[in-house]
C-alpha atoms as a PDB file:
ATOM      1  CA  MET A   1     150.838 142.288  15.008  1.00  0.00           C
ATOM      2  CA  GLU A   2     148.213 142.507  17.231  1.00  0.00           C
ATOM      3  CA  LEU A   3     149.053 140.374  20.899  1.00  0.00           C
ATOM      4  CA  GLN A   4     146.368 139.107  22.806  1.00  0.00           C
ATOM      5  CA  GLN A   5     145.673 139.578  26.481  1.00  0.00           C
ATOM      6  CA  ILE A   6     147.736 137.531  28.852  1.00  0.00           C
ATOM      7  CA  THR A   7     145.384 135.433  31.239  1.00  0.00           C
ATOM      8  CA  PRO A   8     147.337 135.484  34.355  1.00  0.00           C
ATOM      9  CA  GLU A   9     148.234 132.017  36.344  1.00  0.00           C
ATOM     10  CA  ARG A  10     147.739 131.906  39.426  1.00  0.00           C
ATOM     11  CA  LYS A  11     151.413 131.841  41.329  1.00  0.00           C
ATOM     12  CA  LYS A  12     152.516 129.905  44.268  1.00  0.00           C
ATOM     13  CA  GLY A  13     155.021 131.859  45.598  1.00  0.00           C
ATOM     14  CA  THR A  14     157.693 128.662  46.114  1.00  0.00           C
ATOM     15  CA  GLU A  15     158.387 129.060  42.210  1.00  0.00           C
ATOM     16  CA  ASN A  16     162.263 130.263  42.212  1.00  0.00           C
ATOM     17  CA  PHE A  17     164.151 132.617  39.453  1.00  0.00           C
ATOM     18  CA  LYS A  18     165.858 131.693  36.581  1.00  0.00           C
ATOM     19  CA  PHE A  19     168.861 132.825  34.745  1.00  0.00           C
ATOM     20  CA  ASP A  20     170.750 131.651  32.262  1.00  0.00           C
ATOM     21  CA  ASN A  21     168.287 128.215  32.793  1.00  0.00           C
ATOM     22  CA  GLU A  22     170.037 127.526  35.740  1.00  0.00           C
ATOM     23  CA  THR A  23     167.673 127.711  39.311  1.00  0.00           C
ATOM     24  CA  LEU A  24     168.883 130.720  41.334  1.00  0.00           C
ATOM     25  CA  ASN A  25     167.933 130.569  45.397  1.00  0.00           C
ATOM     26  CA  PHE A  26     165.387 133.338  45.347  1.00  0.00           C
ATOM     27  CA  LYS A  27     161.529 132.709  44.902  1.00  0.00           C
ATOM     28  CA  LEU A  28     158.722 134.831  43.848  1.00  0.00           C
ATOM     29  CA  ASN A  29     157.816 135.058  47.688  1.00  0.00           C
ATOM     30  CA  ASP A  30     160.373 136.838  48.590  1.00  0.00           C
ATOM     31  CA  PHE A  31     159.533 139.514  46.244  1.00  0.00           C
ATOM     32  CA  TRP A  32     155.773 139.311  47.603  1.00  0.00           C
ATOM     33  CA  ILE A  33     157.290 139.842  50.806  1.00  0.00           C
ATOM     34  CA  TRP A  34     159.482 142.996  49.896  1.00  0.00           C
ATOM     35  CA  ASN A  35     156.854 144.651  47.787  1.00  0.00           C
ATOM     36  CA  GLN A  36     153.811 144.052  49.737  1.00  0.00           C
ATOM     37  CA  SER A  37     154.983 144.537  53.482  1.00  0.00           C
ATOM     38  CA  ASN A  38     153.921 147.775  53.733  1.00  0.00           C
ATOM     39  CA  LEU A  39     149.881 146.909  54.266  1.00  0.00           C
ATOM     40  CA  ILE A  40     149.704 150.687  55.433  1.00  0.00           C
ATOM     41  CA  GLU A  41     150.484 152.072  52.296  1.00  0.00           C
ATOM     42  CA  ASN A  42     148.005 153.510  50.111  1.00  0.00           C
ATOM     43  CA  ARG A  43     148.600 150.917  47.181  1.00  0.00           C
ATOM     44  CA  THR A  44     149.068 148.221  49.327  1.00  0.00           C
ATOM     45  CA  ARG A  45     145.993 148.761  51.431  1.00  0.00           C
ATOM     46  CA  GLY A  46     143.514 149.152  48.562  1.00  0.00           C
ATOM     47  CA  ILE A  47     144.589 145.520  47.283  1.00  0.00           C
ATOM     48  CA  LEU A  48     144.829 144.278  50.667  1.00  0.00           C
ATOM     49  CA  ALA A  49     140.668 145.205  50.906  1.00  0.00           C
ATOM     50  CA  GLU A  50     140.050 143.619  47.728  1.00  0.00           C
ATOM     51  CA  PHE A  51     141.829 140.572  49.111  1.00  0.00           C
ATOM     52  CA  ILE A  52     139.764 140.830  52.554  1.00  0.00           C
ATOM     53  CA  VAL A  53     136.557 141.709  50.870  1.00  0.00           C
ATOM     54  CA  LYS A  54     137.579 138.207  48.480  1.00  0.00           C
ATOM     55  CA  LYS A  55     137.909 136.031  51.429  1.00  0.00           C
ATOM     56  CA  ALA A  56     134.503 137.600  53.439  1.00  0.00           C
ATOM     57  CA  LEU A  57     132.653 136.205  50.569  1.00  0.00           C
ATOM     58  CA  ASP A  58     134.363 132.854  49.825  1.00  0.00           C
ATOM     59  CA  ILE A  59     135.290 133.671  46.119  1.00  0.00           C
ATOM     60  CA  LYS A  60     137.443 130.870  45.268  1.00  0.00           C
ATOM     61  CA  GLU A  61     138.712 131.619  42.048  1.00  0.00           C
ATOM     62  CA  GLY A  62     140.755 133.765  40.077  1.00  0.00           C
ATOM     63  CA  VAL A  63     144.154 136.449  40.334  1.00  0.00           C
ATOM     64  CA  ARG A  64     143.381 139.899  40.954  1.00  0.00           C
ATOM     65  CA  ILE A  65     142.985 142.231  37.419  1.00  0.00           C
ATOM     66  CA  GLU A  66     144.444 145.575  37.503  1.00  0.00           C
ATOM     67  CA  TRP A  67     142.347 148.170  35.906  1.00  0.00           C
ATOM     68  CA  ASP A  68     139.368 145.944  35.499  1.00  0.00           C
ATOM     69  CA  CYS A  69     135.976 147.057  35.584  1.00  0.00           C
ATOM     70  CA  TYR A  70     135.046 146.124  38.423  1.00  0.00           C
ATOM     71  CA  ASP A  71     137.139 144.433  41.765  1.00  0.00           C
ATOM     72  CA  LEU A  72     135.479 141.033  42.443  1.00  0.00           C
ATOM     73  CA  ILE A  73     132.539 138.753  40.861  1.00  0.00           C
ATOM     74  CA  THR A  74     131.183 136.804  43.142  1.00  0.00           C
ATOM     75  CA  GLU A  75     129.854 133.093  42.122  1.00  0.00           C
ATOM     76  CA  ASN A  76     126.194 134.646  41.812  1.00  0.00           C
ATOM     77  CA  GLY A  77     127.518 137.334  39.550  1.00  0.00           C
ATOM     78  CA  ILE A  78     127.458 139.912  41.900  1.00  0.00           C
ATOM     79  CA  LYS A  79     129.774 142.561  40.693  1.00  0.00           C
ATOM     80  CA  ILE A  80     131.610 144.348  43.585  1.00  0.00           C
ATOM     81  CA  GLU A  81     134.041 148.106  43.441  1.00  0.00           C
ATOM     82  CA  ILE A  82     136.006 148.021  46.416  1.00  0.00           C
ATOM     83  CA  LYS A  83     137.381 151.241  48.167  1.00  0.00           C
ATOM     84  CA  SER A  84     139.766 151.902  50.798  1.00  0.00           C
ATOM     85  CA  ALA A  85     140.803 154.531  52.939  1.00  0.00           C
ATOM     86  CA  ALA A  86     142.772 155.059  56.518  1.00  0.00           C
ATOM     87  CA  TYR A  87     143.038 157.323  58.994  1.00  0.00           C
ATOM     88  CA  ILE A  88     146.474 156.904  59.722  1.00  0.00           C
ATOM     89  CA  GLN A  89     148.712 156.190  56.321  1.00  0.00           C
ATOM     90  CA  SER A  90     152.500 155.271  56.270  1.00  0.00           C
ATOM     91  CA  TRP A  91     154.092 158.518  56.021  1.00  0.00           C
ATOM     92  CA  LYS A  92     154.454 161.506  58.574  1.00  0.00           C
ATOM     93  CA  GLN A  93     151.138 163.419  59.073  1.00  0.00           C
ATOM     94  CA  LYS A  94     150.030 166.223  61.387  1.00  0.00           C
ATOM     95  CA  LYS A  95     146.704 165.118  61.551  1.00  0.00           C
ATOM     96  CA  TYR A  96     144.484 162.162  60.709  1.00  0.00           C
ATOM     97  CA  SER A  97     143.802 161.903  57.144  1.00  0.00           C
ATOM     98  CA  THR A  98     140.515 162.438  55.733  1.00  0.00           C
ATOM     99  CA  ILE A  99     138.252 159.359  55.074  1.00  0.00           C
ATOM    100  CA  GLN A 100     137.571 159.706  51.215  1.00  0.00           C
ATOM    101  CA  PHE A 101     136.397 157.452  48.539  1.00  0.00           C
ATOM    102  CA  GLY A 102     137.060 157.737  44.509  1.00  0.00           C
ATOM    103  CA  ILE A 103     133.195 157.176  43.090  1.00  0.00           C
ATOM    104  CA  ALA A 104     133.720 158.223  39.461  1.00  0.00           C
ATOM    105  CA  GLN A 105     132.459 156.627  36.263  1.00  0.00           C
ATOM    106  CA  SER A 106     134.525 154.833  33.429  1.00  0.00           C
ATOM    107  CA  VAL A 107     134.507 154.257  30.447  1.00  0.00           C
ATOM    108  CA  GLY A 108     135.574 150.216  31.352  1.00  0.00           C
ATOM    109  CA  ASP A 109     137.924 147.831  29.545  1.00  0.00           C
ATOM    110  CA  PRO A 110     137.425 147.247  25.807  1.00  0.00           C
ATOM    111  CA  LEU A 111     138.176 143.731  26.155  1.00  0.00           C
ATOM    112  CA  HIS A 112     135.708 143.297  29.106  1.00  0.00           C
ATOM    113  CA  VAL A 113     132.991 141.282  27.784  1.00  0.00           C
ATOM    114  CA  GLU A 114     130.376 143.688  29.204  1.00  0.00           C
ATOM    115  CA  TYR A 115     131.865 146.963  27.525  1.00  0.00           C
ATOM    116  CA  ASP A 116     129.255 148.611  25.747  1.00  0.00           C
ATOM    117  CA  GLY A 117     131.251 152.004  25.300  1.00  0.00           C
ATOM    118  CA  ASN A 118     129.618 153.844  28.382  1.00  0.00           C
ATOM    119  CA  ILE A 119     130.882 155.841  31.046  1.00  0.00           C
ATOM    120  CA  LYS A 120     129.369 154.632  34.095  1.00  0.00           C
ATOM    121  CA  ARG A 121     129.751 152.489  37.056  1.00  0.00           C
ATOM    122  CA  TRP A 122     129.975 148.861  36.261  1.00  0.00           C
ATOM    123  CA  SER A 123     129.544 146.937  39.640  1.00  0.00           C
ATOM    124  CA  ASP A 124     126.317 145.904  41.732  1.00  0.00           C
ATOM    125  CA  PHE A 125     127.921 147.230  44.737  1.00  0.00           C
ATOM    126  CA  TYR A 126     130.343 149.155  46.231  1.00  0.00           C
ATOM    127  CA  ILE A 127     131.993 148.095  49.231  1.00  0.00           C
ATOM    128  CA  PHE A 128     133.802 150.872  51.288  1.00  0.00           C
ATOM    129  CA  CYS A 129     136.490 149.769  53.623  1.00  0.00           C
ATOM    130  CA  VAL A 130     137.798 151.716  56.487  1.00  0.00           C
ATOM    131  CA  LEU A 131     140.569 150.568  58.234  1.00  0.00           C
ATOM    132  CA  ASN A 132     139.537 152.449  61.341  1.00  0.00           C
ATOM    133  CA  ASN A 133     142.376 152.432  63.813  1.00  0.00           C
ATOM    134  CA  LYS A 134     143.725 155.682  65.175  1.00  0.00           C
ATOM    135  CA  ASP A 135     146.886 154.435  67.300  1.00  0.00           C
ATOM    136  CA  GLN A 136     150.044 153.558  64.923  1.00  0.00           C
ATOM    137  CA  GLU A 137     151.194 151.833  67.847  1.00  0.00           C
ATOM    138  CA  THR A 138     148.418 149.236  67.422  1.00  0.00           C
ATOM    139  CA  LEU A 139     147.424 149.606  64.026  1.00  0.00           C
ATOM    140  CA  ASN A 140     147.416 146.594  62.293  1.00  0.00           C
ATOM    141  CA  PRO A 141     145.758 145.815  58.161  1.00  0.00           C
ATOM    142  CA  ILE A 142     145.518 142.111  59.079  1.00  0.00           C
ATOM    143  CA  ASP A 143     143.886 142.308  62.125  1.00  0.00           C
ATOM    144  CA  LEU A 144     140.191 142.429  60.855  1.00  0.00           C
ATOM    145  CA  ASN A 145     138.715 144.034  64.163  1.00  0.00           C
ATOM    146  CA  GLN A 146     140.188 146.903  62.915  1.00  0.00           C
ATOM    147  CA  TRP A 147     138.259 147.261  59.390  1.00  0.00           C
ATOM    148  CA  SER A 148     134.877 148.782  59.136  1.00  0.00           C
ATOM    149  CA  PHE A 149     132.733 148.011  55.990  1.00  0.00           C
ATOM    150  CA  TYR A 150     130.123 150.125  54.196  1.00  0.00           C
ATOM    151  CA  VAL A 151     127.465 148.276  51.980  1.00  0.00           C
ATOM    152  CA  LEU A 152     126.443 150.255  49.115  1.00  0.00           C
ATOM    153  CA  LYS A 153     124.291 149.208  46.055  1.00  0.00           C
ATOM    154  CA  THR A 154     125.742 151.168  42.839  1.00  0.00           C
ATOM    155  CA  GLU A 155     122.055 152.045  41.972  1.00  0.00           C
ATOM    156  CA  VAL A 156     122.010 154.505  44.658  1.00  0.00           C
ATOM    157  CA  LEU A 157     124.660 156.156  43.982  1.00  0.00           C
ATOM    158  CA  ASN A 158     123.821 156.315  40.509  1.00  0.00           C
ATOM    159  CA  ASP A 159     120.355 157.983  41.948  1.00  0.00           C
ATOM    160  CA  LYS A 160     121.416 159.985  44.203  1.00  0.00           C
ATOM    161  CA  ILE A 161     125.033 161.537  42.929  1.00  0.00           C
ATOM    162  CA  PRO A 162     125.512 160.233  39.463  1.00  0.00           C
ATOM    163  CA  THR A 163     128.252 162.397  38.393  1.00  0.00           C
ATOM    164  CA  GLN A 164     130.089 162.981  41.690  1.00  0.00           C
ATOM    165  CA  LYS A 165     134.034 161.259  41.307  1.00  0.00           C
ATOM    166  CA  THR A 166     134.315 161.540  45.282  1.00  0.00           C
ATOM    167  CA  ILE A 167     132.485 160.943  48.429  1.00  0.00           C
ATOM    168  CA  GLY A 168     133.543 161.515  51.724  1.00  0.00           C
ATOM    169  CA  LEU A 169     132.515 159.739  55.088  1.00  0.00           C
ATOM    170  CA  ASN A 170     129.896 161.428  56.368  1.00  0.00           C
ATOM    171  CA  SER A 171     128.357 162.017  52.399  1.00  0.00           C
ATOM    172  CA  LEU A 172     128.289 158.134  52.386  1.00  0.00           C
ATOM    173  CA  LEU A 173     126.662 157.856  55.681  1.00  0.00           C
ATOM    174  CA  ARG A 174     123.901 159.641  54.685  1.00  0.00           C
ATOM    175  CA  LEU A 175     123.149 157.488  51.629  1.00  0.00           C
ATOM    176  CA  ASN A 176     122.580 154.683  54.348  1.00  0.00           C
ATOM    177  CA  PRO A 177     124.491 151.883  53.279  1.00  0.00           C
ATOM    178  CA  ILE A 178     125.182 148.633  55.901  1.00  0.00           C
ATOM    179  CA  LYS A 179     127.835 148.820  58.070  1.00  0.00           C
ATOM    180  CA  CYS A 180     129.228 145.947  58.795  1.00  0.00           C
ATOM    181  CA  ASN A 181     132.180 143.622  59.447  1.00  0.00           C
ATOM    182  CA  PHE A 182     134.286 140.996  58.640  1.00  0.00           C
ATOM    183  CA  ASN A 183     132.273 138.135  59.105  1.00  0.00           C
ATOM    184  CA  GLU A 184     128.841 140.067  58.197  1.00  0.00           C
ATOM    185  CA  LEU A 185     129.975 140.929  54.711  1.00  0.00           C
ATOM    186  CA  LYS A 186     129.084 137.915  53.080  1.00  0.00           C
ATOM    187  CA  SER A 187     125.241 138.123  54.225  1.00  0.00           C
ATOM    188  CA  VAL A 188     125.138 141.502  53.498  1.00  0.00           C
ATOM    189  CA  ILE A 189     125.471 140.550  49.773  1.00  0.00           C
ATOM    190  CA  LYS A 190     122.863 139.540  47.816  1.00  0.00           C
END
């Protein structure tokens, strides 16, 4: 038996859960609120960063695909890998978190159209997203003024640090990424 890859259907959030052919009184949006409200938690913040960049670049179509070769692709075919970090986490901390990003090469998805079996970085650009606010009382990941974005061509990583698996903010800055805010992202990715 061979099962084909499932193409996700874009949901609206208004879909009701069902049981025994009866519509229940809770909706998909209720699940989303329950599951995704902690925007500071690492995994959710990372997905939020992808969404923010998607909106900044005005990418209209599609649903997020977990474990794809890259996170986003623009209408012009530019492939983007998005990484996020924050000084404040959702758990109790004794100090601010160190800003660090994963940049390891990967095998990629064998089902992806561009798959060639090689271990590499699949994107054209990396966008490193930093939630900068260091005050727990005012920390708000949906206030886009609290984010900084650092854009770097993947070829720079491949040329300067080809096998490195992580990079800290200071090391990233030495590679001269373009620092920008939300409104500037679209003009930087070309």
